[in-house]
N, C-alpha and C. Protein backbone atom coordinates (compact mmCIF):
# COMPACT_ATOMS: atom_id res chain seq x y z
N MET A 1 3.34 12.07 -17.06
CA MET A 1 3.34 10.80 -16.37
C MET A 1 3.71 9.53 -17.42
N ASP A 2 4.73 8.99 -16.73
CA ASP A 2 5.05 7.79 -17.99
C ASP A 2 4.05 6.53 -18.06
N VAL A 3 3.97 6.17 -19.61
CA VAL A 3 3.01 5.48 -20.41
C VAL A 3 3.04 3.74 -18.92
N THR A 4 4.11 3.61 -18.97
CA THR A 4 4.27 2.35 -18.12
C THR A 4 3.73 2.42 -16.89
N LEU A 5 4.12 3.70 -15.95
CA LEU A 5 3.46 3.98 -14.64
C LEU A 5 2.12 4.01 -14.78
N GLY A 6 1.49 4.64 -15.89
CA GLY A 6 0.33 4.83 -15.82
C GLY A 6 -0.71 3.52 -16.25
N LEU A 7 -0.10 2.33 -17.09
CA LEU A 7 -0.73 1.39 -17.10
C LEU A 7 -0.48 0.65 -15.83
N LEU A 8 0.54 0.86 -15.34
CA LEU A 8 0.74 -0.26 -13.90
C LEU A 8 -0.33 0.04 -12.77
N LEU A 9 -0.72 1.47 -12.97
CA LEU A 9 -1.85 1.96 -11.61
C LEU A 9 -3.38 1.40 -12.10
N TRP A 10 -3.30 1.57 -13.73
CA TRP A 10 -4.41 0.97 -14.19
C TRP A 10 -4.72 -0.45 -13.56
N TRP A 11 -3.63 -1.10 -13.87
CA TRP A 11 -3.95 -2.44 -13.80
C TRP A 11 -3.87 -2.95 -12.31
N ALA A 12 -3.24 -1.96 -11.18
CA ALA A 12 -3.21 -2.58 -10.17
C ALA A 12 -4.80 -2.17 -9.50
N LEU A 13 -5.29 -1.14 -9.96
CA LEU A 13 -6.85 -0.67 -9.91
C LEU A 13 -7.65 -1.45 -10.35
N VAL A 14 -7.37 -2.25 -11.70
CA VAL A 14 -8.59 -3.14 -12.01
C VAL A 14 -8.61 -4.34 -11.56
N TYR A 15 -7.32 -5.34 -11.21
CA TYR A 15 -7.33 -6.10 -10.97
C TYR A 15 -7.10 -6.51 -9.17
N GLY A 16 -6.93 -5.28 -8.63
CA GLY A 16 -6.83 -5.30 -7.52
C GLY A 16 -7.55 -4.66 -6.32
N ILE A 17 -8.05 -3.41 -7.00
CA ILE A 17 -8.81 -2.70 -5.71
C ILE A 17 -10.19 -3.26 -6.27
N PHE A 18 -10.46 -2.89 -7.44
CA PHE A 18 -11.81 -3.64 -8.19
C PHE A 18 -12.83 -4.69 -7.46
N PRO A 19 -12.06 -6.02 -6.94
CA PRO A 19 -12.56 -6.73 -6.67
C PRO A 19 -12.42 -6.91 -5.23
N ILE A 20 -11.54 -6.14 -4.15
CA ILE A 20 -11.51 -5.64 -2.97
C ILE A 20 -12.68 -4.84 -2.86
N ALA A 21 -13.29 -4.21 -3.24
CA ALA A 21 -14.08 -3.33 -2.88
C ALA A 21 -15.37 -3.81 -3.56
N LEU A 22 -15.64 -4.89 -4.57
CA LEU A 22 -16.95 -5.09 -4.50
C LEU A 22 -17.19 -6.43 -3.85
N GLY A 23 -15.97 -7.07 -3.31
CA GLY A 23 -16.10 -8.32 -2.33
C GLY A 23 -16.75 -7.69 -1.18
N SER A 24 -15.57 -6.60 -0.32
CA SER A 24 -16.27 -5.70 0.42
C SER A 24 -17.75 -5.33 0.86
N LEU A 25 -18.38 -4.70 -0.40
CA LEU A 25 -19.56 -4.22 -0.63
C LEU A 25 -20.56 -5.48 -0.51
N VAL A 26 -20.27 -6.68 -1.03
CA VAL A 26 -21.08 -7.35 -0.86
C VAL A 26 -21.24 -8.16 0.60
N GLY A 27 -19.91 -8.30 1.41
CA GLY A 27 -19.97 -8.92 2.78
C GLY A 27 -20.08 -7.84 3.66
N LEU A 28 -19.90 -6.47 3.65
CA LEU A 28 -20.60 -5.23 4.70
C LEU A 28 -21.37 -5.46 5.60
N PRO A 29 -22.67 -5.94 4.29
CA PRO A 29 -24.08 -5.71 5.36
C PRO A 29 -24.00 -7.08 6.53
N PHE A 30 -23.15 -8.04 6.13
CA PHE A 30 -23.49 -9.31 6.49
C PHE A 30 -22.37 -9.26 8.00
N TRP A 31 -21.22 -8.51 7.81
CA TRP A 31 -20.28 -8.20 8.85
C TRP A 31 -20.97 -7.16 9.83
N LEU A 32 -21.56 -6.07 9.45
CA LEU A 32 -22.27 -5.42 10.16
C LEU A 32 -23.22 -5.88 11.66
N ARG A 33 -23.49 -6.87 10.77
CA ARG A 33 -24.80 -7.86 11.61
C ARG A 33 -24.32 -8.98 12.40
N GLY A 34 -23.24 -9.02 12.29
CA GLY A 34 -22.31 -10.22 12.99
C GLY A 34 -22.13 -11.51 12.37
N ARG A 35 -22.28 -11.77 11.15
CA ARG A 35 -22.48 -13.08 10.67
C ARG A 35 -21.20 -13.01 9.80
N VAL A 36 -20.00 -12.92 10.18
CA VAL A 36 -18.87 -12.40 9.39
C VAL A 36 -18.32 -13.75 8.71
N ILE A 37 -19.05 -14.99 9.13
CA ILE A 37 -18.51 -16.00 8.01
C ILE A 37 -19.35 -16.02 6.80
N LEU A 38 -21.00 -15.63 7.17
CA LEU A 38 -21.55 -15.52 5.62
C LEU A 38 -20.99 -14.57 4.84
N GLY A 39 -20.88 -13.33 5.64
CA GLY A 39 -20.29 -12.22 4.79
C GLY A 39 -19.08 -12.58 3.94
N ASN A 40 -17.89 -13.34 4.64
CA ASN A 40 -16.99 -13.54 4.04
C ASN A 40 -16.87 -14.58 2.71
N ALA A 41 -17.69 -15.62 2.96
CA ALA A 41 -18.72 -16.51 1.77
C ALA A 41 -19.01 -15.86 0.92
N LEU A 42 -19.79 -15.06 1.06
CA LEU A 42 -20.59 -14.04 -0.42
C LEU A 42 -19.70 -12.81 -0.98
N GLY A 43 -18.54 -12.45 0.23
CA GLY A 43 -17.42 -11.52 -0.58
C GLY A 43 -16.32 -12.03 -1.30
N SER A 44 -15.92 -13.47 -0.58
CA SER A 44 -15.61 -14.28 -1.34
C SER A 44 -15.80 -15.04 -3.07
N ALA A 45 -17.06 -15.21 -3.01
CA ALA A 45 -17.66 -15.54 -4.13
C ALA A 45 -17.85 -14.40 -5.26
N ALA A 46 -18.19 -13.18 -4.60
CA ALA A 46 -18.29 -12.08 -5.52
C ALA A 46 -16.43 -12.03 -6.09
N ILE A 47 -15.28 -11.96 -5.39
CA ILE A 47 -14.41 -11.73 -5.87
C ILE A 47 -13.72 -13.04 -6.99
N ALA A 48 -14.16 -14.29 -6.31
CA ALA A 48 -14.15 -15.43 -7.54
C ALA A 48 -14.85 -15.04 -8.95
N ILE A 49 -15.76 -14.48 -8.79
CA ILE A 49 -16.65 -14.59 -10.39
C ILE A 49 -15.90 -13.29 -10.71
N VAL A 50 -15.32 -12.09 -10.54
CA VAL A 50 -14.80 -11.00 -10.81
C VAL A 50 -13.29 -11.92 -11.44
N MET A 51 -12.94 -12.25 -10.50
CA MET A 51 -11.13 -12.79 -11.36
C MET A 51 -11.53 -13.90 -12.23
N THR A 52 -12.50 -14.77 -12.15
CA THR A 52 -12.67 -15.80 -13.36
C THR A 52 -13.33 -15.30 -14.62
N VAL A 53 -13.72 -13.92 -14.74
CA VAL A 53 -14.29 -12.90 -15.61
C VAL A 53 -12.68 -12.90 -16.34
N PHE A 54 -12.09 -12.06 -15.42
CA PHE A 54 -10.88 -11.52 -16.00
C PHE A 54 -10.08 -12.55 -16.57
N ILE A 55 -9.76 -13.70 -15.92
CA ILE A 55 -8.81 -15.20 -16.25
C ILE A 55 -9.73 -15.39 -17.98
N LEU A 56 -10.63 -15.52 -18.05
CA LEU A 56 -11.57 -16.40 -19.32
C LEU A 56 -11.33 -15.20 -20.15
N GLN A 57 -11.34 -13.54 -19.74
CA GLN A 57 -11.14 -12.57 -20.55
C GLN A 57 -9.67 -12.49 -21.16
N PHE A 58 -8.69 -12.75 -20.61
CA PHE A 58 -7.18 -13.11 -20.87
C PHE A 58 -6.83 -14.56 -21.56
N LEU A 59 -7.89 -15.56 -21.46
CA LEU A 59 -7.61 -16.75 -22.06
C LEU A 59 -8.45 -16.54 -23.32
N PHE A 60 -9.03 -15.84 -23.62
CA PHE A 60 -9.76 -16.04 -25.01
C PHE A 60 -9.25 -14.76 -25.54
N GLY A 61 -9.01 -13.76 -25.18
CA GLY A 61 -8.36 -13.05 -25.90
C GLY A 61 -6.85 -13.29 -26.67
N THR A 62 -6.12 -14.12 -26.06
CA THR A 62 -4.98 -15.01 -26.05
C THR A 62 -5.25 -15.82 -27.04
N LEU A 63 -6.57 -16.65 -27.01
CA LEU A 63 -6.54 -17.68 -28.11
C LEU A 63 -6.68 -17.10 -29.30
N THR A 64 -7.33 -15.84 -29.32
CA THR A 64 -7.83 -15.01 -30.77
C THR A 64 -6.94 -14.52 -31.20
N THR A 65 -5.95 -13.99 -30.77
CA THR A 65 -4.89 -13.19 -31.28
C THR A 65 -3.49 -13.93 -31.47
N THR A 66 -2.93 -14.72 -31.18
CA THR A 66 -1.89 -15.51 -31.44
C THR A 66 -2.22 -16.94 -30.75
N SER A 67 -0.95 -17.90 -31.57
CA SER A 67 -0.53 -19.20 -31.32
C SER A 67 0.08 -19.58 -29.48
N VAL A 68 -0.09 -18.46 -28.96
CA VAL A 68 0.88 -18.28 -27.48
C VAL A 68 0.75 -19.61 -26.46
N PHE A 69 -0.66 -20.20 -26.94
CA PHE A 69 -0.45 -21.58 -25.74
C PHE A 69 0.72 -22.73 -26.89
N GLU A 70 1.29 -22.75 -27.49
CA GLU A 70 2.43 -23.46 -28.02
C GLU A 70 3.45 -23.34 -27.60
N THR A 71 3.82 -21.92 -26.83
CA THR A 71 4.77 -21.57 -25.91
C THR A 71 3.98 -21.63 -24.14
N GLU A 72 5.34 -21.21 -23.23
CA GLU A 72 4.43 -21.13 -22.03
C GLU A 72 4.58 -19.52 -21.52
N ALA A 73 4.60 -18.99 -22.45
CA ALA A 73 4.70 -17.61 -22.33
C ALA A 73 3.00 -17.02 -21.65
N TRP A 74 2.36 -17.78 -21.61
CA TRP A 74 0.76 -17.22 -21.19
C TRP A 74 0.48 -17.74 -19.76
N LEU A 75 1.47 -18.62 -19.46
CA LEU A 75 1.65 -18.83 -17.70
C LEU A 75 1.76 -17.94 -17.02
N LEU A 76 2.83 -17.06 -16.98
CA LEU A 76 3.13 -15.63 -16.26
C LEU A 76 2.07 -14.45 -16.07
N PRO A 77 1.11 -14.34 -17.10
CA PRO A 77 0.25 -13.70 -16.63
C PRO A 77 -0.76 -14.41 -16.17
N LEU A 78 -1.22 -15.30 -16.69
CA LEU A 78 -1.96 -16.50 -16.05
C LEU A 78 -2.18 -16.43 -14.25
N GLY A 79 -0.49 -17.10 -14.15
CA GLY A 79 -0.64 -16.99 -13.03
C GLY A 79 -0.61 -15.56 -11.82
N ALA A 80 -0.20 -14.58 -12.67
CA ALA A 80 -0.52 -13.39 -12.01
C ALA A 80 -1.46 -13.13 -11.35
N LEU A 81 -2.92 -13.12 -12.65
CA LEU A 81 -4.13 -13.02 -12.12
C LEU A 81 -4.45 -14.02 -11.40
N VAL A 82 -4.40 -15.23 -11.04
CA VAL A 82 -4.60 -16.30 -9.91
C VAL A 82 -4.23 -15.38 -8.77
N PHE A 83 -3.09 -15.59 -8.69
CA PHE A 83 -2.35 -15.26 -7.47
C PHE A 83 -3.10 -13.54 -6.96
N ALA A 84 -3.41 -12.65 -7.86
CA ALA A 84 -4.34 -11.14 -7.48
C ALA A 84 -5.41 -11.68 -7.13
N GLY A 85 -5.88 -12.93 -7.37
CA GLY A 85 -7.47 -13.22 -6.80
C GLY A 85 -7.31 -14.01 -5.36
N TRP A 86 -6.00 -14.51 -5.08
CA TRP A 86 -6.20 -15.08 -3.96
C TRP A 86 -5.79 -13.93 -2.98
N LEU A 87 -4.82 -12.88 -3.44
CA LEU A 87 -4.56 -12.12 -2.49
C LEU A 87 -5.43 -10.90 -1.88
N ASP A 88 -6.72 -10.49 -3.22
CA ASP A 88 -7.88 -10.04 -2.93
C ASP A 88 -8.64 -11.00 -1.84
N VAL A 89 -8.90 -12.23 -1.88
CA VAL A 89 -9.44 -13.08 -0.99
C VAL A 89 -8.69 -12.48 0.29
N LEU A 90 -7.58 -12.63 0.42
CA LEU A 90 -6.87 -12.40 1.97
C LEU A 90 -7.16 -11.39 2.44
N ILE A 91 -7.00 -10.04 1.77
CA ILE A 91 -6.92 -9.10 2.23
C ILE A 91 -8.39 -8.31 2.43
N MET A 92 -9.82 -9.34 1.85
CA MET A 92 -10.60 -8.90 2.52
C MET A 92 -11.15 -9.65 3.61
N PHE A 93 -10.70 -10.61 4.02
CA PHE A 93 -10.47 -11.48 5.34
C PHE A 93 -9.88 -10.54 6.56
N PHE A 94 -8.84 -9.48 5.73
CA PHE A 94 -8.40 -8.95 6.97
C PHE A 94 -9.23 -7.76 7.19
N LEU A 95 -9.51 -7.35 6.24
CA LEU A 95 -11.15 -6.48 6.13
C LEU A 95 -12.19 -6.84 7.12
N SER A 96 -12.78 -8.06 6.98
CA SER A 96 -13.63 -8.35 7.85
C SER A 96 -13.15 -8.39 9.01
N GLY A 97 -11.99 -8.71 9.44
CA GLY A 97 -11.69 -8.34 11.05
C GLY A 97 -11.61 -7.45 11.53
N ALA A 98 -10.89 -6.30 10.85
CA ALA A 98 -11.09 -5.08 11.20
C ALA A 98 -12.55 -4.48 11.25
N VAL A 99 -13.54 -4.73 10.51
CA VAL A 99 -15.01 -4.53 11.03
C VAL A 99 -15.41 -4.93 11.72
N GLU A 100 -15.08 -6.29 12.25
CA GLU A 100 -15.91 -7.36 13.45
C GLU A 100 -15.17 -6.56 14.66
N GLN A 101 -14.27 -5.98 14.88
CA GLN A 101 -13.51 -5.58 15.68
C GLN A 101 -14.29 -4.34 16.15
N ARG A 102 -14.28 -3.78 15.23
CA ARG A 102 -14.92 -2.16 15.32
C ARG A 102 -16.64 -2.61 15.92
N VAL A 103 -17.01 -3.54 15.23
CA VAL A 103 -18.45 -3.37 15.55
C VAL A 103 -18.52 -3.97 17.43
N SER A 104 -17.62 -4.88 17.11
CA SER A 104 -17.59 -5.44 19.20
C SER A 104 -17.17 -4.39 19.88
N ARG A 105 -16.20 -3.41 19.63
CA ARG A 105 -16.42 -2.42 20.24
C ARG A 105 -17.03 -1.56 20.46
N ARG A 106 -18.09 -1.21 19.82
CA ARG A 106 -18.79 -0.10 19.66
C ARG A 106 -20.12 -0.94 20.32
N ALA A 107 -20.32 -1.79 20.58
CA ALA A 107 -21.52 -2.72 21.13
C ALA A 107 -21.00 -2.85 22.80
N VAL A 108 -20.36 -2.70 23.20
CA VAL A 108 -19.66 -2.49 24.41
C VAL A 108 -19.81 -1.21 25.15
N ARG A 109 -20.72 -0.91 26.27
CA ARG A 109 -20.94 0.52 26.54
C ARG A 109 -19.98 0.18 27.80
N PRO A 110 -19.30 1.61 27.90
CA PRO A 110 -18.23 1.90 29.11
C PRO A 110 -19.14 1.53 30.33
N GLU A 111 -20.45 1.76 30.73
CA GLU A 111 -20.93 1.71 31.93
C GLU A 111 -21.37 0.26 32.19
N GLU A 112 -21.00 -0.49 31.09
CA GLU A 112 -21.50 -2.35 31.60
C GLU A 112 -19.89 -2.90 31.99
N VAL A 113 -19.22 -2.24 31.59
CA VAL A 113 -17.81 -2.62 32.17
C VAL A 113 -17.60 -2.64 33.72
């Protein structure tokens, strides 16, 4: 496997899948009990905390290594991290909708219809 492809997959896993998985795990118990809004709020908070840590890690790493803040080269990676955080929250909302539909379909018994 090419090194750049491996790094791209690693970054997709760390910045894309990990926050979604964590937010979904935090929200899942609430979604299953029918408290979708609370599950979404707590899951979004978990994603926000993780992405804030990633952004601060990037900024402190950039601050200590170079004087990149004199140029605008730091804006694109920072913007990508912010976009990934918003995308993670959006995907989590779609997952919560899928869980809510599944729970509501399971709650309806065929003999009641």
